[in-house]
Protein backbone atom coordinates (compact mmCIF):
# COMPACT_ATOMS: atom_id res chain seq x y z
CA MET A 1 0.03 0.03 -0.15
CA THR A 2 1.42 3.36 -0.93
CA LYS A 3 1.58 6.32 1.37
CA SER A 4 -1.30 8.03 -0.36
CA ALA A 5 -3.53 4.90 -0.38
CA LYS A 6 -6.40 5.29 2.28
CA VAL A 7 -8.47 2.38 3.61
CA ILE A 8 -12.20 3.09 2.94
CA LEU A 9 -15.38 1.14 3.33
CA LEU A 10 -15.94 -0.31 0.09
CA GLU A 11 -19.14 -2.18 0.70
CA HIS A 12 -21.70 -2.37 3.54
CA GLU A 13 -24.72 -4.13 2.52
CA ARG A 14 -27.60 -5.93 4.30
CA PHE A 15 -30.26 -8.10 2.74
CA GLU A 16 -33.25 -9.37 4.41
CA ILE A 17 -34.05 -12.93 3.09
CA LYS A 18 -37.86 -13.57 2.85
CA ALA A 19 -39.14 -16.66 4.68
CA LYS A 20 -39.85 -18.53 1.48
CA SER A 21 -36.08 -17.94 0.28
CA GLY A 22 -34.73 -19.26 3.62
CA ASN A 23 -35.22 -16.37 6.07
CA GLY A 24 -32.53 -14.36 7.95
CA ILE A 25 -29.99 -11.66 6.96
CA LEU A 26 -27.02 -11.52 4.95
CA SER A 27 -24.46 -8.97 5.77
CA TYR A 28 -21.32 -7.91 3.72
CA GLU A 29 -18.77 -5.43 5.05
CA VAL A 30 -15.64 -4.84 3.19
CA TRP A 31 -12.77 -2.22 3.53
CA GLY A 32 -9.94 -1.68 1.48
CA TYR A 33 -8.33 0.79 -1.06
CA VAL A 34 -7.87 1.38 -4.83
CA GLU A 35 -4.43 1.36 -6.26
CA LEU A 36 -3.63 1.81 -9.89
CA ALA A 37 -7.07 0.77 -10.66
CA THR A 38 -6.90 -2.32 -8.70
CA THR A 39 -9.12 -2.92 -5.47
CA VAL A 40 -7.26 -4.23 -2.56
CA VAL A 41 -9.52 -5.65 0.20
CA THR A 42 -7.91 -5.21 3.74
CA ARG A 43 -10.77 -6.45 5.91
CA TYR A 44 -14.07 -8.39 5.41
CA ASN A 45 -16.88 -9.54 7.49
CA LEU A 46 -19.34 -11.76 5.69
CA ALA A 47 -22.32 -13.13 7.71
CA TYR A 48 -25.57 -15.14 7.32
CA ILE A 49 -27.62 -14.44 10.47
CA ASN A 50 -30.87 -16.43 11.31
CA HIS A 51 -31.91 -16.55 14.77
CA SER A 52 -34.31 -19.50 14.19
CA VAL A 53 -31.37 -21.80 12.88
CA CYS A 54 -28.76 -20.48 15.47
CA LYS A 55 -29.34 -19.45 19.01
CA VAL A 56 -25.75 -18.63 19.65
CA ASP A 57 -23.19 -16.09 18.30
CA ASN A 58 -25.97 -13.54 17.83
CA GLY A 59 -27.79 -15.72 15.38
CA ARG A 60 -24.79 -15.98 13.09
CA VAL A 61 -25.21 -19.34 11.32
CA LEU A 62 -22.30 -18.76 8.95
CA GLY A 63 -19.58 -15.97 8.86
CA LEU A 64 -16.22 -15.29 7.34
CA ASP A 65 -14.10 -12.60 8.47
CA ASN A 66 -10.41 -11.65 9.18
CA ALA A 67 -10.98 -9.74 12.46
CA HIS A 68 -8.41 -10.40 15.22
CA ASN A 69 -5.50 -10.64 12.76
CA TYR A 70 -6.45 -13.99 11.33
CA HIS A 71 -8.92 -15.38 8.68
CA HIS A 72 -11.62 -17.53 10.25
CA ARG A 73 -15.05 -19.09 9.83
CA HIS A 74 -17.82 -18.89 12.14
CA TYR A 75 -20.50 -21.82 11.96
CA MET A 76 -23.28 -22.19 14.61
CA GLY A 77 -21.12 -20.80 17.24
CA ASP A 78 -17.93 -22.62 16.55
CA VAL A 79 -14.98 -20.48 15.12
CA GLN A 80 -11.94 -22.13 13.25
CA PRO A 81 -9.01 -20.74 11.24
CA VAL A 82 -9.36 -20.85 7.42
CA GLU A 83 -6.84 -20.63 4.70
CA PHE A 84 -6.94 -17.62 2.96
CA ILE A 85 -6.36 -17.50 -1.08
CA SER A 86 -8.07 -14.26 -1.96
CA TYR A 87 -11.15 -12.21 -1.08
CA GLU A 88 -12.84 -13.24 -4.17
CA ALA A 89 -12.56 -16.92 -3.28
CA THR A 90 -13.67 -16.18 0.24
CA LEU A 91 -16.79 -14.48 -1.15
CA GLU A 92 -17.42 -17.34 -3.47
CA GLN A 93 -17.17 -19.83 -0.57
CA PHE A 94 -19.34 -17.90 1.60
CA GLN A 95 -22.14 -17.65 -1.04
CA HIS A 96 -22.01 -21.40 -1.72
CA GLU A 97 -22.10 -22.30 1.98
CA TRP A 98 -25.08 -19.96 2.88
CA LEU A 99 -27.09 -21.16 0.11
CA ASP A 100 -26.30 -24.78 1.11
CA ILE A 101 -27.43 -24.05 4.63
CA VAL A 102 -30.76 -22.61 3.35
CA LYS A 103 -31.35 -25.55 1.12
CA ALA A 104 -30.65 -28.01 4.14
CA ASN A 105 -32.85 -26.29 6.31
CA LYS A 106 -35.95 -25.62 3.97
CA GLY A 107 -39.10 -27.14 5.37
CA LYS A 108 -37.81 -27.55 8.64
CA LYS A 109 -39.69 -26.12 11.63
CA SER A 110 -38.10 -23.64 14.08
């Protein structure tokens, strides 16, 4: 990162998922900077929250982030370190996993 590059909030989105589509909230928070027309992600927090599926960790069913100086995965209250390849790979992993969780829980009563 050059001296002039300033870390900024690149994305902050929150989507409410309707009950027929799995229920819950998807949250994306991404920080970084743009240098020479390239976006560099320095911090991220991706979360699928559904209190009817997970009663611990503030309802976070699934989360991937790099807080506390390491990349890790939250799943139903359990936290494990994960290998980091790129933010794009992490985002793709998150999207596949939360969709798999929703499919697995469809039709289950809370």
